[in-house]
């Protein structure tokens, strides 16, 4: 079933929309959730929450890219669940490592208030333009690490690279991003 057909099911408030979404994107969203949560039970709960959030968001929203829309919902829900689960204790998974790597560039609170929205939009635009300057392999590695929270060993295996090459690529990308943010006067 096409994405447009699935979205039309949501607009018709047909519960088959959830079934079709789960069949088509369950593995994709499940991978995102598991990479963050590292627990199958939490992964399943996150997927159920993703389907509920999608049901509540469509309509009125009509996403142009359903896969990206679902991935973003899943990622945000998984990160929220992770944050709650680790509020009292820290450790485990790739999330702490990824956040540590990015902390040299992006610091400060992760929750925004309405006054911060223009700044966050400018930051998002700058990051997107920065990603466009990277070579395809560099971009894929960066997105795998910092969007999907994949571990370095997994990225290296998937792209037939050494772990040191992946680490160096990520380090150079972070330096490039910091430089781009500085050039555009974005301080965090």
N, C-alpha and C. Protein backbone atom coordinates (compact mmCIF):
# COMPACT_ATOMS: atom_id res chain seq x y z
N UNK A 1 0.85 -1.18 0.00
CA UNK A 1 0.00 0.00 0.00
C UNK A 1 0.89 1.23 0.00
N UNK A 2 0.55 2.22 -0.78
CA UNK A 2 1.36 3.43 -0.87
C UNK A 2 1.17 4.30 0.37
N UNK A 3 2.14 5.18 0.61
CA UNK A 3 2.04 6.09 1.75
C UNK A 3 0.79 6.96 1.64
N UNK A 4 0.50 7.42 0.43
CA UNK A 4 -0.67 8.27 0.24
C UNK A 4 -1.96 7.51 0.59
N UNK A 5 -2.02 6.23 0.22
CA UNK A 5 -3.19 5.41 0.57
C UNK A 5 -3.32 5.25 2.09
N UNK A 6 -2.18 5.06 2.74
CA UNK A 6 -2.20 4.92 4.21
C UNK A 6 -2.67 6.22 4.85
N UNK A 7 -2.15 7.34 4.38
CA UNK A 7 -2.55 8.64 4.92
C UNK A 7 -4.05 8.87 4.70
N UNK A 8 -4.54 8.47 3.54
CA UNK A 8 -5.98 8.60 3.28
C UNK A 8 -6.80 7.77 4.25
N UNK A 9 -6.29 6.61 4.66
CA UNK A 9 -6.98 5.80 5.67
C UNK A 9 -7.06 6.55 7.00
N UNK A 10 -5.97 7.24 7.36
CA UNK A 10 -6.01 8.05 8.58
C UNK A 10 -7.06 9.14 8.47
N UNK A 11 -7.11 9.81 7.33
CA UNK A 11 -8.09 10.87 7.15
C UNK A 11 -9.51 10.33 7.17
N UNK A 12 -9.69 9.09 6.73
CA UNK A 12 -11.01 8.46 6.77
C UNK A 12 -11.31 7.89 8.16
N UNK A 13 -10.33 8.00 9.07
CA UNK A 13 -10.42 7.45 10.43
C UNK A 13 -10.67 5.94 10.41
N UNK A 14 -10.04 5.29 9.45
CA UNK A 14 -10.12 3.83 9.30
C UNK A 14 -8.98 3.20 10.09
N UNK A 15 -9.30 2.33 11.03
CA UNK A 15 -8.28 1.72 11.88
C UNK A 15 -7.30 0.85 11.11
N UNK A 16 -7.63 0.51 9.88
CA UNK A 16 -6.67 -0.22 9.04
C UNK A 16 -5.41 0.61 8.79
N UNK A 17 -5.50 1.91 8.98
CA UNK A 17 -4.34 2.78 8.81
C UNK A 17 -3.21 2.34 9.75
N UNK A 18 -3.57 2.03 10.98
CA UNK A 18 -2.56 1.61 11.96
C UNK A 18 -1.97 0.26 11.56
N UNK A 19 -2.80 -0.66 11.14
CA UNK A 19 -2.32 -1.98 10.71
C UNK A 19 -1.37 -1.84 9.53
N UNK A 20 -1.77 -1.05 8.54
CA UNK A 20 -0.92 -0.87 7.35
C UNK A 20 0.38 -0.15 7.70
N UNK A 21 0.30 0.83 8.58
CA UNK A 21 1.50 1.56 9.01
C UNK A 21 2.45 0.61 9.73
N UNK A 22 1.90 -0.19 10.61
CA UNK A 22 2.72 -1.14 11.36
C UNK A 22 3.37 -2.16 10.43
N UNK A 23 2.63 -2.66 9.46
CA UNK A 23 3.19 -3.64 8.53
C UNK A 23 4.30 -3.03 7.68
N UNK A 24 4.10 -1.81 7.23
CA UNK A 24 5.07 -1.19 6.32
C UNK A 24 6.26 -0.60 7.06
N UNK A 25 6.03 0.00 8.22
CA UNK A 25 7.09 0.75 8.91
C UNK A 25 7.42 0.25 10.31
N UNK A 26 6.84 -0.88 10.71
CA UNK A 26 7.10 -1.40 12.05
C UNK A 26 8.57 -1.73 12.29
N UNK A 27 9.21 -2.38 11.33
CA UNK A 27 10.62 -2.74 11.49
C UNK A 27 11.50 -1.49 11.54
N UNK A 28 11.21 -0.54 10.67
CA UNK A 28 11.97 0.72 10.62
C UNK A 28 11.86 1.47 11.95
N UNK A 29 10.65 1.69 12.41
CA UNK A 29 10.44 2.41 13.67
C UNK A 29 10.96 1.60 14.86
N UNK A 30 10.79 0.28 14.79
CA UNK A 30 11.30 -0.58 15.86
C UNK A 30 12.80 -0.49 16.01
N UNK A 31 13.50 -0.38 14.89
CA UNK A 31 14.96 -0.25 14.93
C UNK A 31 15.36 1.06 15.59
N UNK A 32 14.67 2.13 15.24
CA UNK A 32 14.96 3.43 15.85
C UNK A 32 14.76 3.35 17.37
N UNK A 33 13.63 2.81 17.79
CA UNK A 33 13.33 2.72 19.22
C UNK A 33 14.34 1.84 19.94
N UNK A 34 14.68 0.70 19.35
CA UNK A 34 15.60 -0.22 20.01
C UNK A 34 17.01 0.39 20.14
N UNK A 35 17.45 1.12 19.12
CA UNK A 35 18.78 1.74 19.17
C UNK A 35 18.89 2.70 20.35
N UNK A 36 17.79 3.28 20.75
CA UNK A 36 17.80 4.23 21.86
C UNK A 36 17.55 3.53 23.19
N UNK A 37 16.59 2.62 23.20
CA UNK A 37 16.13 2.02 24.46
C UNK A 37 16.83 0.72 24.84
N UNK A 38 17.33 -0.02 23.86
CA UNK A 38 18.02 -1.29 24.08
C UNK A 38 17.21 -2.28 24.92
N UNK A 39 15.91 -2.28 24.69
CA UNK A 39 15.03 -3.16 25.45
C UNK A 39 13.81 -3.44 24.58
N UNK A 40 13.55 -4.71 24.31
CA UNK A 40 12.45 -5.07 23.43
C UNK A 40 11.07 -4.68 23.98
N UNK A 41 10.90 -4.80 25.29
CA UNK A 41 9.63 -4.42 25.89
C UNK A 41 9.38 -2.92 25.73
N UNK A 42 10.39 -2.11 26.02
CA UNK A 42 10.27 -0.66 25.85
C UNK A 42 10.10 -0.31 24.37
N UNK A 43 10.75 -1.06 23.51
CA UNK A 43 10.63 -0.86 22.07
C UNK A 43 9.18 -1.04 21.64
N UNK A 44 8.55 -2.12 22.11
CA UNK A 44 7.16 -2.40 21.74
C UNK A 44 6.22 -1.32 22.26
N UNK A 45 6.44 -0.87 23.49
CA UNK A 45 5.60 0.19 24.05
C UNK A 45 5.78 1.48 23.26
N UNK A 46 7.02 1.75 22.87
CA UNK A 46 7.30 2.95 22.07
C UNK A 46 6.60 2.87 20.72
N UNK A 47 6.61 1.68 20.10
CA UNK A 47 5.91 1.51 18.82
C UNK A 47 4.41 1.75 18.99
N UNK A 48 3.82 1.21 20.04
CA UNK A 48 2.40 1.43 20.28
C UNK A 48 2.10 2.92 20.47
N UNK A 49 2.98 3.59 21.20
CA UNK A 49 2.82 5.04 21.38
C UNK A 49 2.97 5.77 20.04
N UNK A 50 3.87 5.30 19.19
CA UNK A 50 4.07 5.91 17.87
C UNK A 50 2.79 5.82 17.05
N UNK A 51 2.16 4.64 17.05
CA UNK A 51 0.93 4.49 16.28
C UNK A 51 -0.17 5.38 16.83
N UNK A 52 -0.26 5.49 18.16
CA UNK A 52 -1.26 6.37 18.77
C UNK A 52 -1.00 7.83 18.42
N UNK A 53 0.25 8.27 18.53
CA UNK A 53 0.59 9.66 18.20
C UNK A 53 0.30 9.94 16.73
N UNK A 54 0.59 8.97 15.88
CA UNK A 54 0.32 9.14 14.45
C UNK A 54 -1.18 9.27 14.22
N UNK A 55 -1.96 8.43 14.86
CA UNK A 55 -3.43 8.47 14.74
C UNK A 55 -3.96 9.84 15.16
N UNK A 56 -3.38 10.39 16.22
CA UNK A 56 -3.83 11.69 16.71
C UNK A 56 -3.32 12.86 15.87
N UNK A 57 -2.21 12.66 15.16
CA UNK A 57 -1.62 13.74 14.37
C UNK A 57 -2.19 13.83 12.96
N UNK A 58 -2.62 12.69 12.42
CA UNK A 58 -3.17 12.66 11.06
C UNK A 58 -4.66 12.32 11.16
N UNK A 59 -5.60 13.11 10.75
CA UNK A 59 -5.44 14.52 10.44
C UNK A 59 -5.24 15.34 11.72
N UNK A 60 -4.92 16.56 11.68
CA UNK A 60 -4.94 17.49 10.56
C UNK A 60 -3.68 17.47 9.70
N UNK A 61 -2.57 16.95 10.24
CA UNK A 61 -1.34 16.96 9.44
C UNK A 61 -1.45 15.96 8.29
N UNK A 62 -0.81 16.31 7.20
CA UNK A 62 -0.68 15.41 6.05
C UNK A 62 0.81 15.40 5.71
N UNK A 63 1.54 14.45 6.30
CA UNK A 63 2.99 14.44 6.07
C UNK A 63 3.33 14.15 4.61
N UNK A 64 4.34 14.86 4.12
CA UNK A 64 4.78 14.63 2.74
C UNK A 64 5.63 13.37 2.65
N UNK A 65 6.35 13.06 3.72
CA UNK A 65 7.16 11.85 3.78
C UNK A 65 6.76 11.06 5.03
N UNK A 66 5.91 10.08 4.87
CA UNK A 66 5.38 9.33 6.00
C UNK A 66 6.50 8.64 6.79
N UNK A 67 7.46 8.06 6.10
CA UNK A 67 8.56 7.36 6.77
C UNK A 67 9.30 8.31 7.71
N UNK A 68 9.64 9.50 7.23
CA UNK A 68 10.35 10.48 8.05
C UNK A 68 9.48 10.95 9.21
N UNK A 69 8.22 11.18 8.93
CA UNK A 69 7.26 11.60 9.95
C UNK A 69 7.20 10.57 11.08
N UNK A 70 7.07 9.30 10.73
CA UNK A 70 7.01 8.22 11.72
C UNK A 70 8.33 8.08 12.47
N UNK A 71 9.44 8.19 11.74
CA UNK A 71 10.75 8.09 12.37
C UNK A 71 10.97 9.17 13.41
N UNK A 72 10.54 10.37 13.09
CA UNK A 72 10.70 11.48 14.03
C UNK A 72 9.85 11.26 15.28
N UNK A 73 8.61 10.83 15.09
CA UNK A 73 7.75 10.54 16.25
C UNK A 73 8.38 9.45 17.12
N UNK A 74 8.81 8.37 16.49
CA UNK A 74 9.41 7.25 17.23
C UNK A 74 10.64 7.70 17.99
N UNK A 75 11.51 8.44 17.31
CA UNK A 75 12.76 8.90 17.93
C UNK A 75 12.45 9.78 19.14
N UNK A 76 11.54 10.73 18.99
CA UNK A 76 11.22 11.62 20.10
C UNK A 76 10.61 10.86 21.28
N UNK A 77 9.71 9.93 20.98
CA UNK A 77 9.11 9.14 22.06
C UNK A 77 10.15 8.27 22.76
N UNK A 78 11.03 7.67 21.99
CA UNK A 78 12.08 6.82 22.58
C UNK A 78 13.03 7.65 23.43
N UNK A 79 13.41 8.82 22.95
CA UNK A 79 14.30 9.68 23.74
C UNK A 79 13.62 10.14 25.02
N UNK A 80 12.33 10.46 24.95
CA UNK A 80 11.59 10.84 26.16
C UNK A 80 11.53 9.68 27.15
N UNK A 81 11.26 8.48 26.63
CA UNK A 81 11.21 7.30 27.48
C UNK A 81 12.59 7.03 28.10
N UNK A 82 13.62 7.19 27.29
CA UNK A 82 14.99 6.99 27.78
C UNK A 82 15.30 7.99 28.89
N UNK A 83 14.94 9.24 28.66
CA UNK A 83 15.22 10.29 29.65
C UNK A 83 14.53 9.98 30.97
N UNK A 84 13.29 9.53 30.92
CA UNK A 84 12.57 9.17 32.14
C UNK A 84 13.21 7.97 32.83
N UNK A 85 13.61 6.99 32.04
CA UNK A 85 14.18 5.77 32.61
C UNK A 85 15.54 6.01 33.24
N UNK A 86 16.25 7.01 32.76
CA UNK A 86 17.60 7.25 33.27
C UNK A 86 17.70 8.48 34.14
N UNK A 87 16.57 9.03 34.54
CA UNK A 87 16.59 10.23 35.38
C UNK A 87 17.33 9.96 36.70
N UNK A 88 17.12 8.80 37.25
CA UNK A 88 17.75 8.47 38.52
C UNK A 88 19.08 7.75 38.35
N UNK A 89 19.24 7.05 37.24
CA UNK A 89 20.48 6.31 37.02
C UNK A 89 20.98 6.59 35.61
N UNK A 90 22.26 6.51 35.43
CA UNK A 90 22.86 6.78 34.13
C UNK A 90 23.61 5.54 33.66
N UNK A 91 23.82 5.47 32.34
CA UNK A 91 24.64 4.39 31.78
C UNK A 91 23.88 3.50 30.85
N UNK A 92 24.62 2.70 30.08
CA UNK A 92 24.04 1.74 29.16
C UNK A 92 23.66 2.37 27.85
N UNK A 93 23.70 1.60 26.78
CA UNK A 93 23.27 2.05 25.47
C UNK A 93 24.20 3.05 24.84
N UNK A 94 23.84 3.50 23.68
CA UNK A 94 24.63 4.46 22.93
C UNK A 94 24.23 5.89 23.22
N UNK A 95 23.06 6.11 23.78
CA UNK A 95 22.58 7.48 23.97
C UNK A 95 23.54 8.33 24.80
N UNK A 96 24.04 7.84 25.94
CA UNK A 96 24.98 8.68 26.69
C UNK A 96 26.23 9.02 25.88
N UNK A 97 26.74 8.05 25.13
CA UNK A 97 27.94 8.30 24.33
C UNK A 97 27.68 9.34 23.26
N UNK A 98 26.55 9.24 22.59
CA UNK A 98 26.20 10.20 21.54
C UNK A 98 26.02 11.59 22.13
N UNK A 99 25.31 11.69 23.24
CA UNK A 99 25.09 12.99 23.86
C UNK A 99 26.41 13.59 24.34
N UNK A 100 27.30 12.76 24.82
CA UNK A 100 28.62 13.23 25.25
C UNK A 100 29.39 13.79 24.06
N UNK A 101 29.36 13.09 22.92
CA UNK A 101 30.06 13.55 21.72
C UNK A 101 29.53 14.90 21.25
N UNK A 102 28.22 15.07 21.30
CA UNK A 102 27.62 16.31 20.82
C UNK A 102 27.67 17.44 21.84
N UNK A 103 27.96 17.12 23.09
CA UNK A 103 27.93 18.14 24.13
C UNK A 103 28.96 19.24 23.89
N UNK A 104 30.05 18.93 23.17
CA UNK A 104 31.04 19.95 22.90
C UNK A 104 30.52 20.99 21.91
N UNK A 105 29.48 20.65 21.18
CA UNK A 105 28.91 21.56 20.19
C UNK A 105 27.61 22.16 20.70
N UNK A 106 26.72 21.30 21.17
CA UNK A 106 25.38 21.72 21.55
C UNK A 106 25.21 21.50 23.04
N UNK A 107 25.11 22.58 23.78
CA UNK A 107 24.93 22.48 25.22
C UNK A 107 23.63 23.16 25.60
N UNK A 108 23.24 22.97 26.83
CA UNK A 108 22.04 23.65 27.30
C UNK A 108 20.86 22.72 27.37
N UNK A 109 19.73 23.26 27.79
CA UNK A 109 18.54 22.45 27.98
C UNK A 109 18.00 21.92 26.66
N UNK A 110 17.43 20.72 26.72
CA UNK A 110 16.86 20.12 25.52
C UNK A 110 15.40 20.49 25.35
N UNK A 111 14.79 21.05 26.36
CA UNK A 111 13.39 21.42 26.26
C UNK A 111 13.31 22.89 25.89
N UNK A 112 12.47 23.21 24.96
CA UNK A 112 12.40 24.58 24.49
C UNK A 112 11.13 25.25 24.98
N UNK A 113 11.24 26.55 25.15
CA UNK A 113 10.04 27.33 25.41
C UNK A 113 9.73 28.10 24.14
N UNK A 114 8.58 28.74 24.05
CA UNK A 114 8.21 29.41 22.80
C UNK A 114 9.23 30.44 22.32
N UNK A 115 9.92 31.09 23.24
CA UNK A 115 10.92 32.09 22.85
C UNK A 115 12.11 31.47 22.12
N UNK A 116 12.35 30.17 22.34
CA UNK A 116 13.49 29.50 21.73
C UNK A 116 13.18 28.92 20.36
N UNK A 117 11.93 28.90 19.95
CA UNK A 117 11.56 28.27 18.69
C UNK A 117 12.27 28.90 17.50
N UNK A 118 12.34 30.24 17.36
CA UNK A 118 13.08 30.79 16.21
C UNK A 118 14.55 30.36 16.19
N UNK A 119 15.17 30.32 17.37
CA UNK A 119 16.56 29.88 17.44
C UNK A 119 16.70 28.42 17.02
N UNK A 120 15.75 27.58 17.46
CA UNK A 120 15.81 26.16 17.10
C UNK A 120 15.59 25.97 15.60
N UNK A 121 14.72 26.79 14.99
CA UNK A 121 14.51 26.71 13.54
C UNK A 121 15.77 27.12 12.80
N UNK A 122 16.45 28.16 13.27
CA UNK A 122 17.70 28.59 12.64
C UNK A 122 18.76 27.50 12.78
N UNK A 123 18.82 26.88 13.96
CA UNK A 123 19.77 25.80 14.18
C UNK A 123 19.48 24.63 13.25
N UNK A 124 18.22 24.24 13.13
CA UNK A 124 17.84 23.13 12.25
C UNK A 124 18.22 23.44 10.82
N UNK A 125 17.96 24.65 10.37
CA UNK A 125 18.30 25.06 9.01
C UNK A 125 19.82 24.98 8.79
N UNK A 126 20.58 25.46 9.75
CA UNK A 126 22.04 25.43 9.63
C UNK A 126 22.56 24.00 9.59
N UNK A 127 22.03 23.14 10.43
CA UNK A 127 22.47 21.73 10.43
C UNK A 127 22.12 21.07 9.11
N UNK A 128 20.93 21.33 8.59
CA UNK A 128 20.55 20.75 7.29
C UNK A 128 21.48 21.23 6.17
N UNK A 129 21.80 22.51 6.16
CA UNK A 129 22.71 23.03 5.14
C UNK A 129 24.11 22.44 5.31
N UNK A 130 24.53 22.26 6.57
CA UNK A 130 25.83 21.63 6.82
C UNK A 130 25.85 20.21 6.28
N UNK A 131 24.80 19.45 6.54
CA UNK A 131 24.73 18.06 6.07
C UNK A 131 24.81 17.99 4.55
N UNK A 132 24.26 18.98 3.86
CA UNK A 132 24.31 19.01 2.40
C UNK A 132 25.73 19.18 1.89
N UNK A 133 26.63 19.75 2.72
CA UNK A 133 28.02 19.96 2.28
C UNK A 133 28.86 18.70 2.44
N UNK A 134 28.38 17.73 3.20
CA UNK A 134 29.15 16.51 3.43
C UNK A 134 29.04 15.57 2.23
N UNK A 135 30.09 14.78 2.04
CA UNK A 135 30.03 13.73 1.03
C UNK A 135 28.99 12.71 1.48
N UNK A 136 28.38 11.98 0.54
CA UNK A 136 27.31 11.04 0.91
C UNK A 136 27.70 10.07 2.02
N UNK A 137 28.89 9.50 1.97
CA UNK A 137 29.29 8.55 3.01
C UNK A 137 29.39 9.24 4.37
N UNK A 138 29.97 10.43 4.40
CA UNK A 138 30.09 11.18 5.65
C UNK A 138 28.71 11.51 6.22
N UNK A 139 27.80 11.92 5.35
CA UNK A 139 26.44 12.27 5.77
C UNK A 139 25.75 11.05 6.36
N UNK A 140 25.88 9.90 5.68
CA UNK A 140 25.24 8.68 6.17
C UNK A 140 25.78 8.30 7.55
N UNK A 141 27.09 8.39 7.72
CA UNK A 141 27.70 8.05 9.00
C UNK A 141 27.20 9.01 10.09
N UNK A 142 27.18 10.30 9.78
CA UNK A 142 26.73 11.31 10.74
C UNK A 142 25.28 11.06 11.16
N UNK A 143 24.42 10.84 10.18
CA UNK A 143 23.00 10.61 10.48
C UNK A 143 22.80 9.31 11.24
N UNK A 144 23.52 8.28 10.85
CA UNK A 144 23.40 7.00 11.58
C UNK A 144 23.79 7.17 13.04
N UNK A 145 24.82 7.93 13.30
CA UNK A 145 25.28 8.10 14.67
C UNK A 145 24.38 9.03 15.47
N UNK A 146 24.06 10.19 14.90
CA UNK A 146 23.41 11.23 15.69
C UNK A 146 21.89 11.30 15.51
N UNK A 147 21.34 10.64 14.54
CA UNK A 147 19.87 10.56 14.42
C UNK A 147 19.39 9.20 14.91
N UNK A 148 20.01 8.13 14.38
CA UNK A 148 19.57 6.78 14.73
C UNK A 148 20.29 6.22 15.96
N UNK A 149 21.32 6.93 16.44
CA UNK A 149 22.07 6.54 17.63
C UNK A 149 22.72 5.17 17.48
N UNK A 150 23.16 4.85 16.27
CA UNK A 150 23.85 3.57 16.03
C UNK A 150 25.22 3.61 16.66
N UNK A 151 25.69 2.45 17.13
CA UNK A 151 27.02 2.44 17.70
C UNK A 151 28.07 2.36 16.59
N UNK A 152 29.27 2.76 16.93
CA UNK A 152 30.34 2.90 15.94
C UNK A 152 30.67 1.56 15.30
N UNK A 153 30.68 0.50 16.07
CA UNK A 153 30.98 -0.83 15.53
C UNK A 153 29.96 -1.22 14.45
N UNK A 154 28.69 -0.95 14.72
CA UNK A 154 27.62 -1.27 13.77
C UNK A 154 27.76 -0.45 12.48
N UNK A 155 28.05 0.84 12.62
CA UNK A 155 28.22 1.70 11.44
C UNK A 155 29.40 1.19 10.62
N UNK A 156 30.50 0.88 11.28
CA UNK A 156 31.69 0.40 10.58
C UNK A 156 31.38 -0.89 9.81
N UNK A 157 30.68 -1.79 10.44
CA UNK A 157 30.33 -3.06 9.78
C UNK A 157 29.40 -2.83 8.59
N UNK A 158 28.41 -1.97 8.75
CA UNK A 158 27.44 -1.72 7.68
C UNK A 158 28.06 -1.06 6.46
N UNK A 159 29.10 -0.26 6.66
CA UNK A 159 29.72 0.45 5.54
C UNK A 159 31.10 -0.10 5.18
N UNK A 160 31.45 -1.26 5.75
CA UNK A 160 32.74 -1.91 5.48
C UNK A 160 33.90 -0.95 5.72
N UNK A 161 33.88 -0.29 6.88
CA UNK A 161 34.92 0.64 7.27
C UNK A 161 35.51 0.19 8.59
N UNK A 162 36.69 0.71 8.90
CA UNK A 162 37.25 0.43 10.22
C UNK A 162 36.58 1.35 11.24
N UNK A 163 36.59 0.92 12.49
CA UNK A 163 36.00 1.75 13.53
C UNK A 163 36.74 3.07 13.66
N UNK A 164 38.05 3.05 13.48
CA UNK A 164 38.83 4.29 13.58
C UNK A 164 38.45 5.26 12.46
N UNK A 165 38.15 4.74 11.27
CA UNK A 165 37.71 5.60 10.15
C UNK A 165 36.37 6.25 10.49
N UNK A 166 35.45 5.49 11.08
CA UNK A 166 34.15 6.03 11.46
C UNK A 166 34.34 7.10 12.54
N UNK A 167 35.17 6.82 13.55
CA UNK A 167 35.41 7.79 14.61
C UNK A 167 36.01 9.08 14.06
N UNK A 168 36.98 8.95 13.14
CA UNK A 168 37.62 10.12 12.56
C UNK A 168 36.63 10.92 11.71
N UNK A 169 35.79 10.21 10.95
CA UNK A 169 34.77 10.88 10.14
C UNK A 169 33.82 11.67 11.03
N UNK A 170 33.39 11.07 12.12
CA UNK A 170 32.49 11.75 13.05
C UNK A 170 33.16 12.95 13.72
N UNK A 171 34.42 12.78 14.11
CA UNK A 171 35.14 13.89 14.74
C UNK A 171 35.27 15.06 13.77
N UNK A 172 35.63 14.78 12.53
CA UNK A 172 35.75 15.85 11.54
C UNK A 172 34.40 16.50 11.25
N UNK A 173 33.36 15.69 11.22
CA UNK A 173 32.02 16.24 10.98
C UNK A 173 31.60 17.15 12.14
N UNK A 174 31.87 16.73 13.36
CA UNK A 174 31.53 17.57 14.52
C UNK A 174 32.30 18.89 14.47
N UNK A 175 33.58 18.81 14.10
CA UNK A 175 34.38 20.03 13.99
C UNK A 175 33.82 20.94 12.89
N UNK A 176 33.43 20.34 11.77
CA UNK A 176 32.85 21.11 10.67
C UNK A 176 31.53 21.76 11.08
N UNK A 177 30.72 21.03 11.82
CA UNK A 177 29.45 21.57 12.30
C UNK A 177 29.69 22.73 13.25
N UNK A 178 30.62 22.56 14.16
CA UNK A 178 30.94 23.63 15.10
C UNK A 178 31.40 24.88 14.35
N UNK A 179 32.24 24.69 13.34
CA UNK A 179 32.71 25.80 12.54
C UNK A 179 31.55 26.49 11.82
N UNK A 180 30.65 25.70 11.26
CA UNK A 180 29.48 26.25 10.55
C UNK A 180 28.59 27.04 11.51
N UNK A 181 28.36 26.50 12.69
CA UNK A 181 27.54 27.19 13.68
C UNK A 181 28.20 28.51 14.10
N UNK A 182 29.52 28.48 14.27
CA UNK A 182 30.26 29.69 14.66
C UNK A 182 30.19 30.74 13.55
N UNK A 183 30.39 30.30 12.30
CA UNK A 183 30.32 31.22 11.16
C UNK A 183 28.96 31.91 11.08
N UNK A 184 27.91 31.20 11.42
CA UNK A 184 26.56 31.75 11.32
C UNK A 184 26.12 32.44 12.60
N UNK A 185 27.03 32.53 13.57
CA UNK A 185 26.73 33.25 14.79
C UNK A 185 25.75 32.54 15.71
N UNK A 186 25.67 31.22 15.58
CA UNK A 186 24.77 30.46 16.43
C UNK A 186 25.56 29.94 17.62
N UNK A 187 25.16 30.38 18.79
CA UNK A 187 25.81 29.91 20.01
C UNK A 187 24.77 29.19 20.85
N UNK A 188 25.20 28.10 21.44
CA UNK A 188 24.28 27.29 22.23
C UNK A 188 24.78 27.14 23.63
